């Protein structure tokens, strides 16, 4: 039987508090929808009047097929932006992030993961407690994950917003670039042997799940 005191420190359950502000956003969106319905009702009345006015105006020539195609064609900038969104904001490698600025702080959650071509495999863990494996990928504005609860053996979707940290320059010959961070976490420089051990077990589990 699992000790309830230990279970309460599950990294996955602890990190759920990060998503609490989203509830306020959903409520605001719901209230905005009610107001929007009232605006649409008023606009529908105006639309009837506008249609009747248009019936009295002379018709204008329909746009040619060439003009329509020109308007529909995406600009070079939009194509470039779409291509860049597919790129991972983090280079391939192993990373360690934590709620605390120092490693091994009891009560703080950490995440160790490996990035491979935008795909991510890793774990949330808390010192002297359990760890929860996850896998996922980078999407525009967020790191989208599927987390496996260690105790319940169930999978849950979880997203961490990406944010731009302080602007840094790689060298004097290149312009400054903004470092990408994970909301609620700080990047830690050193990945310990224990981090590698946890990561290795989650990578093995991920490979087994893919083989099924």
N, C-alpha and C. Protein backbone atom coordinates (compact mmCIF):
# COMPACT_ATOMS: atom_id res chain seq x y z
N UNK A 1 0.85 -1.20 0.00
CA UNK A 1 0.00 0.00 0.00
C UNK A 1 0.88 1.25 0.00
N UNK A 2 0.55 2.21 -0.84
CA UNK A 2 1.38 3.39 -0.98
C UNK A 2 1.21 4.32 0.20
N UNK A 3 2.29 4.82 0.71
CA UNK A 3 2.24 5.78 1.81
C UNK A 3 1.59 7.06 1.33
N UNK A 4 0.46 7.52 1.94
CA UNK A 4 -0.22 8.72 1.45
C UNK A 4 0.63 9.96 1.54
N UNK A 5 1.56 10.01 2.47
CA UNK A 5 2.42 11.19 2.60
C UNK A 5 3.35 11.30 1.41
N UNK A 6 3.87 10.14 0.96
CA UNK A 6 4.77 10.14 -0.19
C UNK A 6 3.98 10.44 -1.46
N UNK A 7 2.79 9.87 -1.56
CA UNK A 7 2.00 10.05 -2.76
C UNK A 7 1.61 11.51 -2.96
N UNK A 8 1.41 12.24 -1.87
CA UNK A 8 1.02 13.63 -2.00
C UNK A 8 2.12 14.48 -2.63
N UNK A 9 3.35 13.94 -2.67
CA UNK A 9 4.47 14.66 -3.26
C UNK A 9 4.72 14.27 -4.70
N UNK A 10 3.76 13.59 -5.33
CA UNK A 10 3.93 13.20 -6.73
C UNK A 10 4.25 14.43 -7.58
N UNK A 11 5.33 14.39 -8.36
CA UNK A 11 5.71 15.55 -9.18
C UNK A 11 4.59 15.98 -10.11
N UNK A 12 3.91 15.02 -10.72
CA UNK A 12 2.85 15.35 -11.66
C UNK A 12 1.73 16.11 -10.97
N UNK A 13 1.28 15.63 -9.81
CA UNK A 13 0.19 16.29 -9.10
C UNK A 13 0.62 17.66 -8.58
N UNK A 14 1.87 17.78 -8.17
CA UNK A 14 2.36 19.07 -7.69
C UNK A 14 2.38 20.11 -8.79
N UNK A 15 2.78 19.69 -9.99
CA UNK A 15 2.90 20.63 -11.10
C UNK A 15 1.56 21.09 -11.65
N UNK A 16 0.48 20.40 -11.30
CA UNK A 16 -0.83 20.80 -11.79
C UNK A 16 -1.20 22.20 -11.33
N UNK A 17 -0.61 22.67 -10.24
CA UNK A 17 -0.96 24.00 -9.76
C UNK A 17 -0.51 25.08 -10.73
N UNK A 18 0.47 24.75 -11.60
CA UNK A 18 0.95 25.72 -12.58
C UNK A 18 -0.15 26.07 -13.56
N UNK A 19 -1.05 25.10 -13.83
CA UNK A 19 -2.09 25.30 -14.82
C UNK A 19 -3.32 25.97 -14.25
N UNK A 20 -3.37 26.27 -12.95
CA UNK A 20 -4.57 26.85 -12.35
C UNK A 20 -4.98 28.17 -12.99
N UNK A 21 -4.04 29.10 -13.35
CA UNK A 21 -4.48 30.35 -13.98
C UNK A 21 -5.30 30.14 -15.24
N UNK A 22 -5.14 28.98 -15.89
CA UNK A 22 -5.90 28.73 -17.11
C UNK A 22 -7.39 28.68 -16.85
N UNK A 23 -7.80 28.31 -15.61
CA UNK A 23 -9.22 28.27 -15.29
C UNK A 23 -9.84 29.65 -15.38
N UNK A 24 -9.09 30.67 -14.94
CA UNK A 24 -9.58 32.03 -15.03
C UNK A 24 -9.73 32.47 -16.47
N UNK A 25 -8.81 32.02 -17.32
CA UNK A 25 -8.90 32.36 -18.74
C UNK A 25 -10.13 31.74 -19.37
N UNK A 26 -10.42 30.47 -19.00
CA UNK A 26 -11.60 29.80 -19.54
C UNK A 26 -12.87 30.51 -19.11
N UNK A 27 -12.92 30.97 -17.84
CA UNK A 27 -14.10 31.67 -17.36
C UNK A 27 -14.28 32.98 -18.10
N UNK A 28 -13.17 33.71 -18.32
CA UNK A 28 -13.25 34.97 -19.04
C UNK A 28 -13.71 34.75 -20.46
N UNK A 29 -13.22 33.67 -21.09
CA UNK A 29 -13.64 33.35 -22.45
C UNK A 29 -15.13 33.06 -22.51
N UNK A 30 -15.64 32.33 -21.49
CA UNK A 30 -17.06 32.01 -21.44
C UNK A 30 -17.90 33.26 -21.32
N UNK A 31 -17.50 34.19 -20.43
CA UNK A 31 -18.24 35.43 -20.27
C UNK A 31 -18.19 36.27 -21.53
N UNK A 32 -17.03 36.26 -22.21
CA UNK A 32 -16.91 37.01 -23.46
C UNK A 32 -17.85 36.47 -24.51
N UNK A 33 -18.05 35.13 -24.50
CA UNK A 33 -18.95 34.52 -25.47
C UNK A 33 -20.38 34.99 -25.30
N UNK A 34 -20.82 35.19 -24.04
CA UNK A 34 -22.18 35.68 -23.79
C UNK A 34 -22.33 37.09 -24.34
N UNK A 35 -21.31 37.93 -24.11
CA UNK A 35 -21.37 39.30 -24.61
C UNK A 35 -21.35 39.32 -26.13
N UNK A 36 -20.60 38.39 -26.73
CA UNK A 36 -20.51 38.34 -28.18
C UNK A 36 -21.85 37.99 -28.81
N UNK A 37 -22.63 37.11 -28.15
CA UNK A 37 -23.94 36.77 -28.68
C UNK A 37 -24.85 37.99 -28.74
N UNK A 38 -24.76 38.85 -27.72
CA UNK A 38 -25.57 40.05 -27.72
C UNK A 38 -25.16 40.99 -28.84
N UNK A 39 -23.85 41.10 -29.09
CA UNK A 39 -23.36 41.95 -30.17
C UNK A 39 -23.80 41.42 -31.52
N UNK A 40 -23.74 40.08 -31.69
CA UNK A 40 -24.15 39.48 -32.96
C UNK A 40 -25.62 39.73 -33.24
N UNK A 41 -26.45 39.70 -32.19
CA UNK A 41 -27.88 39.95 -32.38
C UNK A 41 -28.11 41.36 -32.88
N UNK A 42 -27.35 42.33 -32.34
CA UNK A 42 -27.50 43.71 -32.79
C UNK A 42 -27.00 43.88 -34.21
N UNK A 43 -25.90 43.17 -34.54
CA UNK A 43 -25.34 43.30 -35.87
C UNK A 43 -26.25 42.69 -36.93
N UNK A 44 -27.00 41.64 -36.56
CA UNK A 44 -27.89 41.01 -37.53
C UNK A 44 -28.97 41.98 -37.98
N UNK A 45 -29.46 42.83 -37.07
CA UNK A 45 -30.46 43.83 -37.43
C UNK A 45 -29.88 44.85 -38.39
N UNK A 46 -28.64 45.27 -38.11
CA UNK A 46 -27.99 46.23 -39.00
C UNK A 46 -27.71 45.63 -40.36
N UNK A 47 -27.47 44.32 -40.38
CA UNK A 47 -27.16 43.66 -41.65
C UNK A 47 -28.35 43.71 -42.60
N UNK A 48 -29.58 43.58 -42.06
CA UNK A 48 -30.78 43.63 -42.91
C UNK A 48 -30.89 44.98 -43.57
N UNK A 49 -30.62 46.05 -42.81
CA UNK A 49 -30.69 47.40 -43.36
C UNK A 49 -29.62 47.58 -44.43
N UNK A 50 -28.41 47.06 -44.17
CA UNK A 50 -27.31 47.21 -45.12
C UNK A 50 -27.61 46.50 -46.43
N UNK A 51 -28.22 45.32 -46.36
CA UNK A 51 -28.56 44.57 -47.57
C UNK A 51 -29.55 45.35 -48.42
N UNK A 52 -30.54 45.95 -47.78
CA UNK A 52 -31.53 46.72 -48.53
C UNK A 52 -30.90 47.95 -49.19
N UNK A 53 -29.92 48.55 -48.52
CA UNK A 53 -29.23 49.69 -49.12
C UNK A 53 -28.41 49.26 -50.32
N UNK A 54 -27.77 48.09 -50.21
CA UNK A 54 -26.95 47.59 -51.32
C UNK A 54 -27.78 47.27 -52.55
N UNK A 55 -29.04 46.86 -52.33
CA UNK A 55 -29.89 46.53 -53.46
C UNK A 55 -30.14 47.74 -54.35
N UNK A 56 -30.03 48.94 -53.77
CA UNK A 56 -30.28 50.16 -54.54
C UNK A 56 -29.02 50.66 -55.24
N UNK A 57 -27.85 50.09 -54.91
CA UNK A 57 -26.59 50.54 -55.50
C UNK A 57 -26.26 49.74 -56.75
N UNK A 58 -25.53 50.35 -57.72
CA UNK A 58 -25.15 49.63 -58.94
C UNK A 58 -24.16 48.52 -58.63
N UNK A 59 -24.23 47.44 -59.40
CA UNK A 59 -23.33 46.31 -59.20
C UNK A 59 -21.94 46.64 -59.71
N UNK A 60 -20.91 46.14 -59.01
CA UNK A 60 -19.52 46.31 -59.44
C UNK A 60 -19.04 45.01 -60.07
N UNK A 61 -18.10 45.09 -61.02
CA UNK A 61 -17.62 43.87 -61.68
C UNK A 61 -17.01 42.90 -60.67
N UNK A 62 -17.23 41.61 -60.91
CA UNK A 62 -16.65 40.58 -60.03
C UNK A 62 -15.14 40.52 -60.24
N UNK A 63 -14.36 40.22 -59.20
CA UNK A 63 -12.91 40.12 -59.35
C UNK A 63 -12.53 38.98 -60.28
N UNK A 64 -11.46 39.17 -61.03
CA UNK A 64 -11.00 38.14 -61.95
C UNK A 64 -10.33 37.01 -61.18
N UNK A 65 -10.18 35.86 -61.87
CA UNK A 65 -9.54 34.71 -61.24
C UNK A 65 -8.09 35.02 -60.86
N UNK A 66 -7.43 35.85 -61.68
CA UNK A 66 -6.04 36.21 -61.41
C UNK A 66 -5.93 37.03 -60.13
N UNK A 67 -6.89 37.95 -59.95
CA UNK A 67 -6.87 38.79 -58.74
C UNK A 67 -7.13 37.96 -57.50
N UNK A 68 -8.06 37.00 -57.61
CA UNK A 68 -8.35 36.13 -56.47
C UNK A 68 -7.14 35.29 -56.10
N UNK A 69 -6.45 34.75 -57.11
CA UNK A 69 -5.27 33.92 -56.85
C UNK A 69 -4.16 34.72 -56.19
N UNK A 70 -4.03 35.99 -56.60
CA UNK A 70 -2.99 36.85 -56.03
C UNK A 70 -3.25 37.12 -54.56
N UNK A 71 -4.55 37.33 -54.22
CA UNK A 71 -4.91 37.59 -52.83
C UNK A 71 -4.73 36.35 -51.96
N UNK A 72 -5.01 35.17 -52.54
CA UNK A 72 -4.95 33.93 -51.77
C UNK A 72 -3.53 33.43 -51.56
N UNK A 73 -2.60 33.84 -52.44
CA UNK A 73 -1.23 33.35 -52.33
C UNK A 73 -0.57 33.85 -51.06
N UNK A 74 0.05 32.97 -50.26
CA UNK A 74 0.71 33.40 -49.03
C UNK A 74 1.96 34.20 -49.33
N UNK A 75 2.25 35.16 -48.50
CA UNK A 75 3.45 35.97 -48.68
C UNK A 75 4.68 35.17 -48.29
N UNK A 76 5.85 35.65 -48.71
CA UNK A 76 7.10 34.96 -48.36
C UNK A 76 7.33 34.97 -46.87
N UNK A 77 6.94 36.07 -46.21
CA UNK A 77 7.14 36.17 -44.77
C UNK A 77 6.31 35.16 -44.01
N UNK A 78 5.04 34.95 -44.47
CA UNK A 78 4.18 34.00 -43.77
C UNK A 78 4.66 32.58 -43.95
N UNK A 79 5.18 32.24 -45.13
CA UNK A 79 5.72 30.91 -45.38
C UNK A 79 6.95 30.68 -44.50
N UNK A 80 7.80 31.70 -44.39
CA UNK A 80 8.99 31.58 -43.57
C UNK A 80 8.64 31.40 -42.11
N UNK A 81 7.61 32.13 -41.65
CA UNK A 81 7.18 32.01 -40.26
C UNK A 81 6.65 30.63 -39.97
N UNK A 82 5.89 30.05 -40.93
CA UNK A 82 5.34 28.72 -40.74
C UNK A 82 6.44 27.68 -40.66
N UNK A 83 7.46 27.84 -41.48
CA UNK A 83 8.57 26.89 -41.48
C UNK A 83 9.35 26.97 -40.17
N UNK A 84 9.54 28.20 -39.67
CA UNK A 84 10.29 28.35 -38.44
C UNK A 84 9.57 27.77 -37.24
N UNK A 85 8.21 27.76 -37.28
CA UNK A 85 7.44 27.25 -36.15
C UNK A 85 7.64 25.76 -35.95
N UNK A 86 8.12 25.08 -37.00
CA UNK A 86 8.35 23.64 -36.89
C UNK A 86 9.69 23.33 -36.23
N UNK A 87 10.54 24.34 -36.11
CA UNK A 87 11.85 24.11 -35.52
C UNK A 87 11.77 24.12 -34.01
N UNK A 88 12.58 23.28 -33.38
CA UNK A 88 12.62 23.24 -31.93
C UNK A 88 13.37 24.45 -31.40
N UNK A 89 12.85 25.11 -30.36
CA UNK A 89 13.57 26.25 -29.77
C UNK A 89 14.80 25.82 -28.99
N UNK A 90 14.92 24.53 -28.71
CA UNK A 90 16.09 23.99 -28.01
C UNK A 90 16.83 23.03 -28.93
N UNK A 91 18.14 23.15 -28.96
CA UNK A 91 18.95 22.24 -29.77
C UNK A 91 18.90 20.83 -29.18
N UNK A 92 19.22 19.85 -30.02
CA UNK A 92 19.25 18.47 -29.54
C UNK A 92 20.23 18.35 -28.37
N UNK A 93 19.81 17.62 -27.34
CA UNK A 93 20.66 17.45 -26.17
C UNK A 93 19.85 17.14 -24.93
N UNK A 94 20.51 17.04 -23.79
CA UNK A 94 19.87 16.73 -22.52
C UNK A 94 19.79 18.00 -21.67
N UNK A 95 18.63 18.23 -21.06
CA UNK A 95 18.39 19.46 -20.31
C UNK A 95 17.82 19.15 -18.93
N UNK A 96 18.13 20.04 -17.99
CA UNK A 96 17.58 19.95 -16.64
C UNK A 96 16.99 21.30 -16.26
N UNK A 97 15.72 21.29 -15.86
CA UNK A 97 15.03 22.50 -15.41
C UNK A 97 14.44 22.24 -14.03
N UNK A 98 14.34 23.29 -13.23
CA UNK A 98 13.78 23.12 -11.89
C UNK A 98 12.96 24.31 -11.45
N UNK A 99 12.01 24.05 -10.55
CA UNK A 99 11.28 25.15 -9.94
C UNK A 99 12.22 26.00 -9.08
N UNK A 100 13.22 25.35 -8.49
CA UNK A 100 14.22 26.04 -7.68
C UNK A 100 15.48 26.28 -8.51
N UNK A 101 16.23 27.31 -8.13
CA UNK A 101 17.44 27.65 -8.86
C UNK A 101 18.60 26.71 -8.54
N UNK A 102 18.46 25.90 -7.50
CA UNK A 102 19.49 24.94 -7.10
C UNK A 102 18.94 23.52 -7.21
N UNK A 103 19.79 22.54 -7.53
CA UNK A 103 19.32 21.15 -7.63
C UNK A 103 19.06 20.54 -6.27
N UNK A 104 18.31 19.45 -6.28
CA UNK A 104 18.07 18.63 -5.08
C UNK A 104 17.45 19.40 -3.92
N UNK A 105 16.54 20.32 -4.22
CA UNK A 105 15.82 21.04 -3.17
C UNK A 105 14.54 20.28 -2.85
N UNK A 106 14.42 19.75 -1.63
CA UNK A 106 13.26 18.96 -1.24
C UNK A 106 12.00 19.81 -1.33
N UNK A 107 10.96 19.24 -1.96
CA UNK A 107 9.70 19.95 -2.12
C UNK A 107 9.56 20.66 -3.44
N UNK A 108 10.65 20.77 -4.20
CA UNK A 108 10.63 21.42 -5.52
C UNK A 108 10.60 20.36 -6.61
N UNK A 109 9.92 20.66 -7.70
CA UNK A 109 9.84 19.74 -8.84
C UNK A 109 10.91 20.09 -9.87
N UNK A 110 11.41 19.06 -10.52
CA UNK A 110 12.43 19.22 -11.56
C UNK A 110 11.99 18.43 -12.79
N UNK A 111 12.54 18.80 -13.92
CA UNK A 111 12.29 18.03 -15.14
C UNK A 111 13.60 17.85 -15.89
N UNK A 112 13.90 16.61 -16.20
CA UNK A 112 15.06 16.28 -17.00
C UNK A 112 14.55 15.64 -18.29
N UNK A 113 15.09 16.07 -19.42
CA UNK A 113 14.57 15.54 -20.69
C UNK A 113 15.63 15.65 -21.78
N UNK A 114 15.41 14.86 -22.82
CA UNK A 114 16.28 14.89 -23.98
C UNK A 114 15.48 15.36 -25.19
N UNK A 115 16.07 16.27 -25.95
CA UNK A 115 15.45 16.79 -27.17
C UNK A 115 16.12 16.14 -28.37
N UNK A 116 15.31 15.59 -29.27
CA UNK A 116 15.81 14.99 -30.50
C UNK A 116 14.90 15.43 -31.65
N UNK A 117 15.37 16.39 -32.45
CA UNK A 117 14.62 16.90 -33.59
C UNK A 117 13.22 17.37 -33.19
N UNK A 118 13.14 18.10 -32.10
CA UNK A 118 11.87 18.64 -31.66
C UNK A 118 11.04 17.71 -30.81
N UNK A 119 11.41 16.44 -30.76
CA UNK A 119 10.71 15.47 -29.91
C UNK A 119 11.37 15.42 -28.53
N UNK A 120 10.56 15.23 -27.52
CA UNK A 120 11.05 15.30 -26.14
C UNK A 120 10.65 14.04 -25.37
N UNK A 121 11.60 13.48 -24.62
CA UNK A 121 11.34 12.37 -23.69
C UNK A 121 12.05 12.71 -22.38
N UNK A 122 11.34 12.54 -21.27
CA UNK A 122 11.98 12.87 -20.00
C UNK A 122 11.11 12.52 -18.81
N UNK A 123 11.34 13.24 -17.71
CA UNK A 123 10.61 12.95 -16.47
C UNK A 123 10.50 14.19 -15.59
N UNK A 124 9.39 14.27 -14.87
CA UNK A 124 9.26 15.19 -13.75
C UNK A 124 9.64 14.40 -12.49
N UNK A 125 10.38 15.00 -11.61
CA UNK A 125 10.72 14.29 -10.37
C UNK A 125 10.88 15.29 -9.23
N UNK A 126 10.80 14.75 -8.02
CA UNK A 126 11.07 15.51 -6.81
C UNK A 126 12.10 14.74 -5.99
N UNK A 127 13.10 15.42 -5.42
CA UNK A 127 14.11 14.72 -4.62
C UNK A 127 13.48 13.92 -3.49
N UNK A 128 13.99 12.71 -3.29
CA UNK A 128 13.52 11.80 -2.24
C UNK A 128 12.06 11.40 -2.44
N UNK A 129 11.61 11.41 -3.68
CA UNK A 129 10.24 11.02 -3.98
C UNK A 129 10.24 10.22 -5.29
N UNK A 130 9.12 10.24 -5.99
CA UNK A 130 8.98 9.46 -7.21
C UNK A 130 9.26 10.33 -8.43
N UNK A 131 9.09 9.74 -9.61
CA UNK A 131 9.19 10.51 -10.85
C UNK A 131 8.11 10.04 -11.81
N UNK A 132 7.69 10.93 -12.69
CA UNK A 132 6.67 10.65 -13.70
C UNK A 132 7.27 10.88 -15.08
N UNK A 133 7.25 9.85 -15.92
CA UNK A 133 7.81 9.97 -17.27
C UNK A 133 6.87 10.76 -18.18
N UNK A 134 7.45 11.41 -19.18
CA UNK A 134 6.64 12.12 -20.16
C UNK A 134 7.31 12.06 -21.53
N UNK A 135 6.50 12.31 -22.55
CA UNK A 135 6.99 12.44 -23.92
C UNK A 135 6.14 13.48 -24.61
N UNK A 136 6.68 14.08 -25.66
CA UNK A 136 5.91 15.10 -26.36
C UNK A 136 6.76 15.80 -27.40
N UNK A 137 6.38 17.03 -27.71
CA UNK A 137 7.09 17.79 -28.73
C UNK A 137 6.83 19.28 -28.54
N UNK A 138 7.67 20.08 -29.18
CA UNK A 138 7.49 21.52 -29.14
C UNK A 138 6.44 21.93 -30.17
N UNK A 139 5.53 22.76 -29.74
CA UNK A 139 4.52 23.34 -30.60
C UNK A 139 4.61 24.85 -30.46
N UNK A 140 4.00 25.61 -31.39
CA UNK A 140 4.09 27.07 -31.29
C UNK A 140 3.66 27.58 -29.91
N UNK A 141 4.58 28.17 -29.20
CA UNK A 141 4.28 28.79 -27.92
C UNK A 141 4.24 27.87 -26.72
N UNK A 142 4.47 26.57 -26.91
CA UNK A 142 4.38 25.67 -25.76
C UNK A 142 5.14 24.37 -25.99
N UNK A 143 5.39 23.68 -24.88
CA UNK A 143 5.92 22.32 -24.91
C UNK A 143 4.76 21.40 -24.53
N UNK A 144 4.25 20.66 -25.49
CA UNK A 144 3.08 19.79 -25.28
C UNK A 144 3.55 18.39 -24.89
N UNK A 145 3.07 17.92 -23.74
CA UNK A 145 3.53 16.65 -23.20
C UNK A 145 2.37 15.71 -22.88
N UNK A 146 2.69 14.44 -22.84
CA UNK A 146 1.81 13.41 -22.28
C UNK A 146 2.55 12.80 -21.09
N UNK A 147 1.99 12.97 -19.90
CA UNK A 147 2.64 12.55 -18.66
C UNK A 147 2.00 11.27 -18.14
N UNK A 148 2.81 10.30 -17.79
CA UNK A 148 2.33 9.03 -17.23
C UNK A 148 2.44 9.10 -15.71
N UNK A 149 1.29 9.08 -15.02
CA UNK A 149 1.28 9.11 -13.57
C UNK A 149 1.87 7.80 -13.03
N UNK A 150 2.89 7.90 -12.21
CA UNK A 150 3.60 6.72 -11.71
C UNK A 150 2.69 5.80 -10.91
N UNK A 151 1.81 6.38 -10.10
CA UNK A 151 0.97 5.58 -9.22
C UNK A 151 -0.25 5.01 -9.94
N UNK A 152 -0.92 5.84 -10.72
CA UNK A 152 -2.17 5.42 -11.36
C UNK A 152 -1.96 4.75 -12.71
N UNK A 153 -0.77 4.90 -13.28
CA UNK A 153 -0.45 4.33 -14.60
C UNK A 153 -1.39 4.89 -15.67
N UNK A 154 -1.77 6.14 -15.52
CA UNK A 154 -2.65 6.80 -16.49
C UNK A 154 -1.88 7.93 -17.16
N UNK A 155 -2.28 8.26 -18.39
CA UNK A 155 -1.60 9.29 -19.17
C UNK A 155 -2.44 10.57 -19.17
N UNK A 156 -1.78 11.70 -18.96
CA UNK A 156 -2.47 12.98 -18.90
C UNK A 156 -1.77 14.00 -19.81
N UNK A 157 -2.53 14.79 -20.56
CA UNK A 157 -1.91 15.87 -21.35
C UNK A 157 -1.48 17.01 -20.43
N UNK A 158 -0.35 17.60 -20.75
CA UNK A 158 0.17 18.70 -19.94
C UNK A 158 1.01 19.60 -20.84
N UNK A 159 0.84 20.89 -20.72
CA UNK A 159 1.56 21.84 -21.56
C UNK A 159 2.27 22.88 -20.70
N UNK A 160 3.48 23.23 -21.11
CA UNK A 160 4.26 24.27 -20.45
C UNK A 160 4.49 25.38 -21.46
N UNK A 161 4.11 26.59 -21.11
CA UNK A 161 4.28 27.72 -22.02
C UNK A 161 5.75 28.07 -22.19
N UNK A 162 6.11 28.45 -23.41
CA UNK A 162 7.47 28.91 -23.69
C UNK A 162 7.53 30.41 -23.44
N UNK A 163 8.63 30.88 -22.91
CA UNK A 163 8.79 32.31 -22.67
C UNK A 163 10.20 32.73 -23.02
N UNK A 164 10.35 34.00 -23.38
CA UNK A 164 11.66 34.53 -23.72
C UNK A 164 12.30 35.12 -22.48
N UNK A 165 13.47 34.59 -22.15
CA UNK A 165 14.21 35.10 -21.01
C UNK A 165 15.08 36.28 -21.45
N UNK A 166 16.07 36.63 -20.66
CA UNK A 166 16.93 37.76 -20.98
C UNK A 166 17.63 37.56 -22.31
N UNK A 167 17.79 38.64 -23.04
CA UNK A 167 18.43 38.59 -24.35
C UNK A 167 19.93 38.42 -24.20
N UNK A 168 20.47 37.47 -24.94
CA UNK A 168 21.90 37.19 -24.86
C UNK A 168 22.50 37.20 -26.26
N UNK A 169 23.81 37.40 -26.36
CA UNK A 169 24.51 37.38 -27.64
C UNK A 169 25.55 36.27 -27.63
N UNK A 170 25.57 35.48 -28.71
CA UNK A 170 26.52 34.37 -28.77
C UNK A 170 27.94 34.88 -28.98
N UNK A 171 28.10 35.91 -29.83
CA UNK A 171 29.41 36.54 -29.99
C UNK A 171 29.20 37.93 -30.57
N UNK A 172 30.28 38.67 -30.72
CA UNK A 172 30.18 40.07 -31.16
C UNK A 172 29.78 40.21 -32.62
N UNK A 173 29.94 39.16 -33.42
CA UNK A 173 29.64 39.24 -34.85
C UNK A 173 28.20 38.93 -35.19
N UNK A 174 27.42 38.44 -34.21
CA UNK A 174 26.04 38.07 -34.46
C UNK A 174 25.11 38.90 -33.58
N UNK A 175 23.90 39.18 -34.08
CA UNK A 175 22.97 39.96 -33.27
C UNK A 175 22.52 39.19 -32.05
N UNK A 176 22.06 39.92 -31.05
CA UNK A 176 21.58 39.29 -29.82
C UNK A 176 20.33 38.48 -30.08
N UNK A 177 20.18 37.38 -29.37
CA UNK A 177 19.01 36.52 -29.52
C UNK A 177 18.39 36.29 -28.15
N UNK A 178 17.09 36.01 -28.14
CA UNK A 178 16.38 35.80 -26.88
C UNK A 178 16.42 34.32 -26.52
N UNK A 179 16.84 34.02 -25.30
CA UNK A 179 16.88 32.64 -24.83
C UNK A 179 15.47 32.18 -24.49
N UNK A 180 15.11 30.98 -24.96
CA UNK A 180 13.77 30.45 -24.71
C UNK A 180 13.76 29.70 -23.38
N UNK A 181 12.78 30.00 -22.55
CA UNK A 181 12.64 29.33 -21.27
C UNK A 181 11.31 28.61 -21.15
N UNK A 182 11.15 27.85 -20.08
CA UNK A 182 9.92 27.14 -19.79
C UNK A 182 9.26 27.81 -18.59
N UNK A 183 8.01 28.20 -18.76
CA UNK A 183 7.31 28.95 -17.72
C UNK A 183 7.25 28.16 -16.41
N UNK A 184 7.66 28.81 -15.32
CA UNK A 184 7.64 28.17 -14.01
C UNK A 184 8.90 27.41 -13.68
N UNK A 185 9.86 27.34 -14.63
CA UNK A 185 11.08 26.58 -14.41
C UNK A 185 12.31 27.44 -14.73
N UNK A 186 13.42 27.06 -14.13
CA UNK A 186 14.70 27.67 -14.41
C UNK A 186 15.66 26.60 -14.92
N UNK A 187 16.45 26.96 -15.90
CA UNK A 187 17.39 25.98 -16.43
C UNK A 187 18.59 25.85 -15.50
N UNK A 188 18.97 24.60 -15.24
CA UNK A 188 20.12 24.29 -14.40
C UNK A 188 21.24 23.75 -15.28
N UNK A 189 22.46 24.12 -14.97
CA UNK A 189 23.58 23.83 -15.86
C UNK A 189 24.00 22.36 -15.84
N UNK A 190 24.04 21.75 -14.66
CA UNK A 190 24.62 20.41 -14.53
C UNK A 190 23.55 19.33 -14.43
N UNK A 191 23.66 18.33 -15.30
CA UNK A 191 22.79 17.15 -15.26
C UNK A 191 23.53 16.07 -14.49
N UNK A 192 22.99 15.66 -13.36
CA UNK A 192 23.69 14.71 -12.48
C UNK A 192 23.53 13.28 -12.97
N UNK A 193 24.27 12.38 -12.33
CA UNK A 193 24.17 10.96 -12.66
C UNK A 193 22.78 10.43 -12.35
N UNK A 194 22.17 10.93 -11.29
CA UNK A 194 20.81 10.50 -10.94
C UNK A 194 19.81 10.99 -11.98
N UNK A 195 20.02 12.20 -12.50
CA UNK A 195 19.17 12.71 -13.58
C UNK A 195 19.26 11.80 -14.80
N UNK A 196 20.48 11.42 -15.14
CA UNK A 196 20.69 10.53 -16.28
C UNK A 196 20.03 9.18 -16.06
N UNK A 197 20.06 8.69 -14.82
CA UNK A 197 19.45 7.40 -14.50
C UNK A 197 17.93 7.46 -14.71
N UNK A 198 17.31 8.52 -14.19
CA UNK A 198 15.87 8.69 -14.35
C UNK A 198 15.51 8.83 -15.82
N UNK A 199 16.28 9.65 -16.53
CA UNK A 199 16.02 9.85 -17.96
C UNK A 199 16.14 8.54 -18.72
N UNK A 200 17.15 7.74 -18.39
CA UNK A 200 17.34 6.46 -19.08
C UNK A 200 16.16 5.52 -18.91
N UNK A 201 15.58 5.47 -17.71
CA UNK A 201 14.43 4.61 -17.48
C UNK A 201 13.21 5.08 -18.28
N UNK A 202 13.03 6.39 -18.35
CA UNK A 202 11.88 6.91 -19.11
C UNK A 202 12.07 6.69 -20.61
N UNK A 203 13.30 6.80 -21.08
CA UNK A 203 13.57 6.53 -22.50
C UNK A 203 13.29 5.07 -22.83
N UNK A 204 13.66 4.17 -21.93
CA UNK A 204 13.38 2.75 -22.13
C UNK A 204 11.88 2.49 -22.17
N UNK A 205 11.14 3.10 -21.25
CA UNK A 205 9.68 2.94 -21.24
C UNK A 205 9.05 3.49 -22.51
N UNK A 206 9.57 4.62 -22.99
CA UNK A 206 9.03 5.23 -24.21
C UNK A 206 9.25 4.33 -25.41
N UNK A 207 10.43 3.72 -25.49
CA UNK A 207 10.73 2.81 -26.60
C UNK A 207 9.84 1.58 -26.56
N UNK A 208 9.57 1.07 -25.36
CA UNK A 208 8.68 -0.09 -25.23
C UNK A 208 7.26 0.25 -25.67
N UNK A 209 6.80 1.44 -25.31
CA UNK A 209 5.45 1.84 -25.69
C UNK A 209 5.33 2.02 -27.20
N UNK A 210 6.39 2.53 -27.83
CA UNK A 210 6.37 2.71 -29.28
C UNK A 210 6.40 1.38 -30.01
N UNK A 211 7.01 0.37 -29.38
CA UNK A 211 7.12 -0.95 -30.01
C UNK A 211 5.82 -1.74 -29.94
N UNK A 212 4.90 -1.32 -29.09
CA UNK A 212 3.63 -2.06 -28.94
C UNK A 212 2.74 -1.88 -30.16
